[in-house]
Amino acid sequence: GDPLDSNGDRQGNGKMTYSSGNTYEGGFVNNKYHCEKGIYKWADGETFEGPWKDGERDGAVCIYRNADGGVEYSGYVAGQATGEGIFWDPDRKTAYKLLNGEQKGVLSPAAAEKLAKEKFNLPVPDPVVSATTTTAGGGGVASTPPQKIEPTSIIKNFFSSKAVTADGKLWFKDNGEWGTYEGDPLDSN
């Protein structure tokens, strides 16, 4: 099916790949991120996984992973962390209670595990092995910075937030950043 509606807006599942190297994979409604489980990945290795509503992080169970392996469980409303949450250091030996996204004190491992289970219905995340022990063996990804890409030879269609390039790629601008769009990545083979 066509991933765009008659207005050229993104609808249904899709993937955005931004010029910075960031990506979003999940649902769209009326051209905005909107789904039960969307994943936004930053080029630096950070990820956000959880519900989206009207283009913002919004749901009771959201998981934010830092590039260094730290993990946060929080609820979000309209893009803002709200209520109680938990943050674990990469080794999972230290956990912090969060209130509206801000650290409010250390939690014992048992208290962190209890809060994770009762509030988020999630286990304690697996600890992260330090990068120094994983580099032997060479199977890693080369750490070249992502190439900054922008739509060239743009044919503007409806708004300055949408474009089509000569090669037929669909470009959209979200939060000030251009990226290419592919519809229904979950359904394609």
C-alpha atoms as a PDB file:
ATOM      1  CA  GLY A   1       0.000   0.000   0.000  1.00  0.00           C
ATOM      2  CA  ASP A   2       0.891   3.644  -0.372  1.00  0.00           C
ATOM      3  CA  PRO A   3       2.635   4.905   2.800  1.00  0.00           C
ATOM      4  CA  LEU A   4       1.300   8.430   2.182  1.00  0.00           C
ATOM      5  CA  ASP A   5      -2.265   9.666   2.265  1.00  0.00           C
ATOM      6  CA  SER A   6      -3.812  11.947  -0.362  1.00  0.00           C
ATOM      7  CA  ASN A   7      -2.249  15.008   1.344  1.00  0.00           C
ATOM      8  CA  GLY A   8       1.233  13.453   1.144  1.00  0.00           C
ATOM      9  CA  ASP A   9       1.308  12.838   4.922  1.00  0.00           C
ATOM     10  CA  ARG A  10       2.962   9.763   6.428  1.00  0.00           C
ATOM     11  CA  GLN A  11       0.451   7.203   7.753  1.00  0.00           C
ATOM     12  CA  GLY A  12       1.005   3.742   9.265  1.00  0.00           C
ATOM     13  CA  ASN A  13       4.372   2.105   9.913  1.00  0.00           C
ATOM     14  CA  GLY A  14       7.488   3.657   8.482  1.00  0.00           C
ATOM     15  CA  LYS A  15      11.133   4.457   8.993  1.00  0.00           C
ATOM     16  CA  MET A  16      12.847   7.834   8.900  1.00  0.00           C
ATOM     17  CA  THR A  17      16.606   8.086   8.380  1.00  0.00           C
ATOM     18  CA  TYR A  18      17.861  11.587   9.183  1.00  0.00           C
ATOM     19  CA  SER A  19      20.862  13.431   7.798  1.00  0.00           C
ATOM     20  CA  SER A  20      22.558  13.241  11.236  1.00  0.00           C
ATOM     21  CA  GLY A  21      22.418   9.434  11.234  1.00  0.00           C
ATOM     22  CA  ASN A  22      19.484   9.373  13.692  1.00  0.00           C
ATOM     23  CA  THR A  23      16.571   7.066  12.849  1.00  0.00           C
ATOM     24  CA  TYR A  24      12.945   6.561  13.894  1.00  0.00           C
ATOM     25  CA  GLU A  25      11.068   3.361  13.216  1.00  0.00           C
ATOM     26  CA  GLY A  26       7.421   3.048  14.171  1.00  0.00           C
ATOM     27  CA  GLY A  27       3.982   4.343  13.410  1.00  0.00           C
ATOM     28  CA  PHE A  28       2.841   7.645  11.961  1.00  0.00           C
ATOM     29  CA  VAL A  29      -0.554   9.323  12.158  1.00  0.00           C
ATOM     30  CA  ASN A  30      -1.083  12.551  10.218  1.00  0.00           C
ATOM     31  CA  ASN A  31       2.657  12.915   9.568  1.00  0.00           C
ATOM     32  CA  LYS A  32       3.638  12.651  13.264  1.00  0.00           C
ATOM     33  CA  TYR A  33       5.233   9.832  15.276  1.00  0.00           C
ATOM     34  CA  HIS A  34       2.280   7.977  16.808  1.00  0.00           C
ATOM     35  CA  CYS A  35       2.256   4.326  17.921  1.00  0.00           C
ATOM     36  CA  GLU A  36       2.428   1.912  20.865  1.00  0.00           C
ATOM     37  CA  LYS A  37       6.113   1.087  20.300  1.00  0.00           C
ATOM     38  CA  GLY A  38       8.382   3.326  18.266  1.00  0.00           C
ATOM     39  CA  ILE A  39      12.173   3.308  18.442  1.00  0.00           C
ATOM     40  CA  TYR A  40      14.223   6.476  18.000  1.00  0.00           C
ATOM     41  CA  LYS A  41      17.983   5.898  17.683  1.00  0.00           C
ATOM     42  CA  TRP A  42      20.520   8.687  17.863  1.00  0.00           C
ATOM     43  CA  ALA A  43      23.737   8.394  15.835  1.00  0.00           C
ATOM     44  CA  ASP A  44      25.741   8.409  19.113  1.00  0.00           C
ATOM     45  CA  GLY A  45      24.160   5.108  20.208  1.00  0.00           C
ATOM     46  CA  GLU A  46      21.372   6.360  22.493  1.00  0.00           C
ATOM     47  CA  THR A  47      17.887   4.899  21.979  1.00  0.00           C
ATOM     48  CA  PHE A  48      14.334   5.609  23.130  1.00  0.00           C
ATOM     49  CA  GLU A  49      11.753   2.848  22.928  1.00  0.00           C
ATOM     50  CA  GLY A  50       8.113   3.302  23.829  1.00  0.00           C
ATOM     51  CA  PRO A  51       4.774   4.833  22.898  1.00  0.00           C
ATOM     52  CA  TRP A  52       4.475   8.044  20.859  1.00  0.00           C
ATOM     53  CA  LYS A  53       1.473  10.354  20.580  1.00  0.00           C
ATOM     54  CA  ASP A  54       1.164  13.416  18.324  1.00  0.00           C
ATOM     55  CA  GLY A  55       4.907  13.373  17.603  1.00  0.00           C
ATOM     56  CA  GLU A  56       5.973  13.206  21.281  1.00  0.00           C
ATOM     57  CA  ARG A  57       7.127  10.449  23.634  1.00  0.00           C
ATOM     58  CA  ASP A  58       3.968   9.599  25.556  1.00  0.00           C
ATOM     59  CA  GLY A  59       3.209   6.479  27.588  1.00  0.00           C
ATOM     60  CA  ALA A  60       3.459   4.715  30.934  1.00  0.00           C
ATOM     61  CA  VAL A  61       6.393   2.430  30.019  1.00  0.00           C
ATOM     62  CA  CYS A  62       9.307   4.047  28.179  1.00  0.00           C
ATOM     63  CA  ILE A  63      12.908   2.822  27.982  1.00  0.00           C
ATOM     64  CA  TYR A  64      15.798   5.209  27.342  1.00  0.00           C
ATOM     65  CA  ARG A  65      19.265   3.691  26.809  1.00  0.00           C
ATOM     66  CA  ASN A  66      22.394   5.851  27.013  1.00  0.00           C
ATOM     67  CA  ALA A  67      25.299   5.183  24.673  1.00  0.00           C
ATOM     68  CA  ASP A  68      27.403   4.115  27.705  1.00  0.00           C
ATOM     69  CA  GLY A  69      24.830   1.473  28.742  1.00  0.00           C
ATOM     70  CA  GLY A  70      22.906   3.398  31.396  1.00  0.00           C
ATOM     71  CA  VAL A  71      19.162   2.632  31.237  1.00  0.00           C
ATOM     72  CA  GLU A  72      16.154   4.642  32.359  1.00  0.00           C
ATOM     73  CA  TYR A  73      12.586   3.406  32.813  1.00  0.00           C
ATOM     74  CA  SER A  74      10.124   6.312  32.949  1.00  0.00           C
ATOM     75  CA  GLY A  75       6.639   7.337  31.986  1.00  0.00           C
ATOM     76  CA  TYR A  76       6.284  10.226  29.548  1.00  0.00           C
ATOM     77  CA  VAL A  77       3.470  12.676  28.885  1.00  0.00           C
ATOM     78  CA  ALA A  78       3.719  15.038  25.897  1.00  0.00           C
ATOM     79  CA  GLY A  79       7.472  14.475  25.597  1.00  0.00           C
ATOM     80  CA  GLN A  80       8.314  15.013  29.290  1.00  0.00           C
ATOM     81  CA  ALA A  81       9.349  12.345  31.822  1.00  0.00           C
ATOM     82  CA  THR A  82       6.678  12.316  34.545  1.00  0.00           C
ATOM     83  CA  GLY A  83       6.248  10.597  37.889  1.00  0.00           C
ATOM     84  CA  GLU A  84       8.523   7.929  39.338  1.00  0.00           C
ATOM     85  CA  GLY A  85      11.244   6.352  37.262  1.00  0.00           C
ATOM     86  CA  ILE A  86      14.495   4.416  37.637  1.00  0.00           C
ATOM     87  CA  PHE A  87      17.965   4.933  36.205  1.00  0.00           C
ATOM     88  CA  TRP A  88      20.659   2.218  36.313  1.00  0.00           C
ATOM     89  CA  ASP A  89      24.389   2.704  35.786  1.00  0.00           C
ATOM     90  CA  PRO A  90      25.804   0.507  32.983  1.00  0.00           C
ATOM     91  CA  ASP A  91      27.002  -2.196  35.436  1.00  0.00           C
ATOM     92  CA  ARG A  92      23.514  -2.261  37.092  1.00  0.00           C
ATOM     93  CA  LYS A  93      25.157  -2.120  40.551  1.00  0.00           C
ATOM     94  CA  THR A  94      23.812   1.374  41.230  1.00  0.00           C
ATOM     95  CA  ALA A  95      20.258   2.571  40.611  1.00  0.00           C
ATOM     96  CA  TYR A  96      18.666   5.957  41.159  1.00  0.00           C
ATOM     97  CA  LYS A  97      15.082   6.949  41.821  1.00  0.00           C
ATOM     98  CA  LEU A  98      13.820   9.506  39.319  1.00  0.00           C
ATOM     99  CA  LEU A  99      11.027  12.008  39.784  1.00  0.00           C
ATOM    100  CA  ASN A 100       9.897  13.747  36.590  1.00  0.00           C
ATOM    101  CA  GLY A 101      13.172  12.696  34.931  1.00  0.00           C
ATOM    102  CA  GLU A 102      15.490  14.037  37.664  1.00  0.00           C
ATOM    103  CA  GLN A 103      17.595  11.889  39.991  1.00  0.00           C
ATOM    104  CA  LYS A 104      16.260  12.034  43.557  1.00  0.00           C
ATOM    105  CA  GLY A 105      18.488   9.527  45.363  1.00  0.00           C
ATOM    106  CA  VAL A 106      20.035   6.082  45.284  1.00  0.00           C
ATOM    107  CA  LEU A 107      17.842   2.959  45.319  1.00  0.00           C
ATOM    108  CA  SER A 108      18.991  -0.384  46.673  1.00  0.00           C
ATOM    109  CA  PRO A 109      19.170  -3.085  43.961  1.00  0.00           C
ATOM    110  CA  ALA A 110      16.170  -4.817  45.590  1.00  0.00           C
ATOM    111  CA  ALA A 111      14.100  -1.590  45.663  1.00  0.00           C
ATOM    112  CA  ALA A 112      15.004  -0.833  42.019  1.00  0.00           C
ATOM    113  CA  GLU A 113      14.038  -4.347  40.949  1.00  0.00           C
ATOM    114  CA  LYS A 114      10.727  -4.097  42.847  1.00  0.00           C
ATOM    115  CA  LEU A 115       9.863  -0.704  41.313  1.00  0.00           C
ATOM    116  CA  ALA A 116      10.797  -1.961  37.814  1.00  0.00           C
ATOM    117  CA  LYS A 117       8.507  -4.962  38.207  1.00  0.00           C
ATOM    118  CA  GLU A 118       5.561  -3.199  39.908  1.00  0.00           C
ATOM    119  CA  LYS A 119       5.461   0.075  37.943  1.00  0.00           C
ATOM    120  CA  PHE A 120       6.889  -0.905  34.557  1.00  0.00           C
ATOM    121  CA  ASN A 121       6.390  -4.707  34.486  1.00  0.00           C
ATOM    122  CA  LEU A 122      10.015  -4.999  33.335  1.00  0.00           C
ATOM    123  CA  PRO A 123      13.051  -6.866  34.681  1.00  0.00           C
ATOM    124  CA  VAL A 124      16.316  -5.179  35.634  1.00  0.00           C
ATOM    125  CA  PRO A 125      18.184  -4.614  32.347  1.00  0.00           C
ATOM    126  CA  ASP A 126      21.199  -6.831  31.661  1.00  0.00           C
ATOM    127  CA  PRO A 127      24.512  -5.245  32.664  1.00  0.00           C
ATOM    128  CA  VAL A 128      26.736  -3.842  29.937  1.00  0.00           C
ATOM    129  CA  VAL A 129      30.188  -5.343  29.433  1.00  0.00           C
ATOM    130  CA  SER A 130      32.782  -2.591  29.095  1.00  0.00           C
ATOM    131  CA  ALA A 131      33.893  -1.789  25.536  1.00  0.00           C
ATOM    132  CA  THR A 132      37.521  -2.705  26.287  1.00  0.00           C
ATOM    133  CA  THR A 133      36.637  -6.392  26.637  1.00  0.00           C
ATOM    134  CA  THR A 134      34.518  -6.537  23.476  1.00  0.00           C
ATOM    135  CA  THR A 135      36.987  -5.044  20.976  1.00  0.00           C
ATOM    136  CA  ALA A 136      39.110  -8.212  20.691  1.00  0.00           C
ATOM    137  CA  GLY A 137      37.900 -10.365  17.836  1.00  0.00           C
ATOM    138  CA  GLY A 138      37.398  -7.532  15.385  1.00  0.00           C
ATOM    139  CA  GLY A 139      33.699  -8.100  14.654  1.00  0.00           C
ATOM    140  CA  GLY A 140      32.850  -4.509  15.569  1.00  0.00           C
ATOM    141  CA  VAL A 141      31.371  -1.811  13.374  1.00  0.00           C
ATOM    142  CA  ALA A 142      33.753   0.846  12.093  1.00  0.00           C
ATOM    143  CA  SER A 143      33.181   4.063  13.979  1.00  0.00           C
ATOM    144  CA  THR A 144      33.187   6.486  11.085  1.00  0.00           C
ATOM    145  CA  PRO A 145      30.855   9.413  11.702  1.00  0.00           C
ATOM    146  CA  PRO A 146      27.675   9.366   9.627  1.00  0.00           C
ATOM    147  CA  GLN A 147      27.741  11.385   6.431  1.00  0.00           C
ATOM    148  CA  LYS A 148      25.542  14.441   6.658  1.00  0.00           C
ATOM    149  CA  ILE A 149      23.037  14.138   3.847  1.00  0.00           C
ATOM    150  CA  GLU A 150      20.485  16.693   2.770  1.00  0.00           C
ATOM    151  CA  PRO A 151      18.002  16.526  -0.070  1.00  0.00           C
ATOM    152  CA  THR A 152      19.636  17.896  -3.229  1.00  0.00           C
ATOM    153  CA  SER A 153      17.825  18.965  -6.364  1.00  0.00           C
ATOM    154  CA  ILE A 154      14.650  19.308  -4.331  1.00  0.00           C
ATOM    155  CA  ILE A 155      11.329  19.669  -5.988  1.00  0.00           C
ATOM    156  CA  LYS A 156       9.256  21.261  -3.239  1.00  0.00           C
ATOM    157  CA  ASN A 157       5.711  20.003  -3.180  1.00  0.00           C
ATOM    158  CA  PHE A 158       3.309  21.047  -0.416  1.00  0.00           C
ATOM    159  CA  PHE A 159       5.293  22.592   2.434  1.00  0.00           C
ATOM    160  CA  SER A 160       8.903  23.298   3.330  1.00  0.00           C
ATOM    161  CA  SER A 161       8.760  20.189   5.548  1.00  0.00           C
ATOM    162  CA  LYS A 162       8.305  17.789   2.599  1.00  0.00           C
ATOM    163  CA  ALA A 163      10.327  17.265  -0.560  1.00  0.00           C
ATOM    164  CA  VAL A 164      10.934  14.790  -3.366  1.00  0.00           C
ATOM    165  CA  THR A 165      14.393  14.455  -4.927  1.00  0.00           C
ATOM    166  CA  ALA A 166      15.109  13.639  -8.572  1.00  0.00           C
ATOM    167  CA  ASP A 167      15.746   9.996  -7.601  1.00  0.00           C
ATOM    168  CA  GLY A 168      12.188   9.786  -6.249  1.00  0.00           C
ATOM    169  CA  LYS A 169      13.116   9.669  -2.535  1.00  0.00           C
ATOM    170  CA  LEU A 170      10.634  11.168  -0.097  1.00  0.00           C
ATOM    171  CA  TRP A 171      12.161  13.691   2.327  1.00  0.00           C
ATOM    172  CA  PHE A 172      10.515  15.035   5.454  1.00  0.00           C
ATOM    173  CA  LYS A 173      11.677  17.532   8.042  1.00  0.00           C
ATOM    174  CA  ASP A 174      10.994  16.580  11.692  1.00  0.00           C
ATOM    175  CA  ASN A 175      12.188  18.758  14.572  1.00  0.00           C
ATOM    176  CA  GLY A 176      14.309  20.805  12.174  1.00  0.00           C
ATOM    177  CA  GLU A 177      16.106  17.834  10.619  1.00  0.00           C
ATOM    178  CA  TRP A 178      15.726  16.425   7.086  1.00  0.00           C
ATOM    179  CA  GLY A 179      15.467  12.696   6.536  1.00  0.00           C
ATOM    180  CA  THR A 180      14.327  10.121   4.015  1.00  0.00           C
ATOM    181  CA  TYR A 181      11.143   8.146   4.554  1.00  0.00           C
ATOM    182  CA  GLU A 182      10.327   4.524   3.782  1.00  0.00           C
ATOM    183  CA  GLY A 183       6.778   3.329   4.405  1.00  0.00           C
ATOM    184  CA  ASP A 184       5.791  -0.032   5.901  1.00  0.00           C
ATOM    185  CA  PRO A 185       9.328  -1.336   6.709  1.00  0.00           C
ATOM    186  CA  LEU A 186       7.797  -4.031   8.925  1.00  0.00           C
ATOM    187  CA  ASP A 187       5.744  -5.431   6.041  1.00  0.00           C
ATOM    188  CA  SER A 188       8.353  -5.329   3.238  1.00  0.00           C
ATOM    189  CA  ASN A 189      10.647  -8.164   2.217  1.00  0.00           C
END
